[in-house]
Amino acid sequence: MKEFIYVQVIVPQALPGLLTYKAPVELAEKLVPGAQVIVPLGRSKLLTAVVHSQTEPPEEFPLEKIRLLADVP
């Protein structure tokens, strides 16, 4: 069984495209499009939204982990 899923999020910064983070596979059911998460970006932590998730790792540099699934009503 896989250890991580890979989640693309949109960030409110002037960055091209989406950013990809990894998360424990146990959160896969909750990390659906629109789910709000807190992710690291540089020295900051951002509240953002999931756009897409996948089980295969992207062909990119090492990924940061999603810090927290936001508890938003």
Protein backbone atom coordinates (compact mmCIF):
# COMPACT_ATOMS: atom_id res chain seq x y z
CA MET A 1 0.00 0.00 0.00
CA LYS A 2 1.16 3.52 -0.74
CA GLU A 3 2.34 5.76 2.09
CA PHE A 4 1.41 9.13 0.56
CA ILE A 5 -1.02 10.75 -1.83
CA TYR A 6 -0.07 13.81 -3.82
CA VAL A 7 -2.28 16.87 -3.69
CA GLN A 8 -2.30 19.92 -5.93
CA VAL A 9 -3.44 23.15 -4.31
CA ILE A 10 -4.06 26.67 -5.50
CA VAL A 11 -2.23 29.42 -3.64
CA PRO A 12 -3.14 33.09 -3.36
CA GLN A 13 0.30 34.18 -4.57
CA ALA A 14 1.51 35.30 -7.96
CA LEU A 15 2.92 31.87 -8.81
CA PRO A 16 2.45 30.05 -12.10
CA GLY A 17 0.20 27.02 -11.84
CA LEU A 18 -0.62 24.79 -8.90
CA LEU A 19 1.67 23.61 -6.13
CA THR A 20 1.94 19.94 -5.18
CA TYR A 21 2.26 18.60 -1.64
CA LYS A 22 2.25 15.11 -0.18
CA ALA A 23 -0.10 13.88 2.53
CA PRO A 24 -0.57 10.64 4.44
CA VAL A 25 -2.74 8.20 2.51
CA GLU A 26 -5.06 8.02 5.54
CA LEU A 27 -6.32 11.52 4.61
CA ALA A 28 -7.19 10.57 1.02
CA GLU A 29 -10.96 10.49 1.66
CA LYS A 30 -10.89 14.02 3.06
CA LEU A 31 -8.50 15.60 0.54
CA VAL A 32 -11.05 16.10 -2.21
CA PRO A 33 -11.34 19.11 -4.51
CA GLY A 34 -12.43 22.10 -2.46
CA ALA A 35 -11.13 20.76 0.86
CA GLN A 36 -9.24 23.44 2.75
CA VAL A 37 -5.73 22.68 3.95
CA ILE A 38 -2.83 24.50 5.53
CA VAL A 39 0.42 24.19 3.62
CA PRO A 40 3.94 25.55 4.09
CA LEU A 41 5.21 28.05 1.56
CA GLY A 42 8.63 29.41 2.37
CA ARG A 43 8.51 30.59 5.98
CA SER A 44 4.74 31.04 5.90
CA LYS A 45 1.79 28.72 6.28
CA LEU A 46 -1.14 29.28 3.94
CA LEU A 47 -4.79 28.33 4.08
CA THR A 48 -5.62 27.08 0.60
CA ALA A 49 -7.85 24.64 -1.27
CA VAL A 50 -7.27 21.25 -2.87
CA VAL A 51 -7.72 21.22 -6.65
CA HIS A 52 -6.68 17.64 -7.45
CA SER A 53 -5.21 14.58 -5.76
CA GLN A 54 -3.42 11.55 -7.19
CA THR A 55 -1.72 8.40 -5.97
CA GLU A 56 1.34 8.58 -8.22
CA PRO A 57 4.12 11.01 -7.33
CA PRO A 58 4.75 13.83 -9.78
CA GLU A 59 8.11 14.09 -11.50
CA GLU A 60 9.21 17.10 -9.49
CA PHE A 61 11.66 17.96 -6.75
CA PRO A 62 11.06 16.70 -3.16
CA LEU A 63 7.67 17.73 -1.83
CA GLU A 64 6.60 19.33 1.44
CA LYS A 65 3.88 17.71 3.52
CA ILE A 66 0.45 19.20 4.05
CA ARG A 67 0.52 20.42 7.63
CA LEU A 68 -3.14 20.28 8.53
CA LEU A 69 -6.57 19.63 7.13
CA ALA A 70 -8.45 22.82 8.00
CA ASP A 71 -11.54 22.42 10.16
CA VAL A 72 -13.81 24.86 8.34
CA PRO A 73 -17.61 24.67 8.61
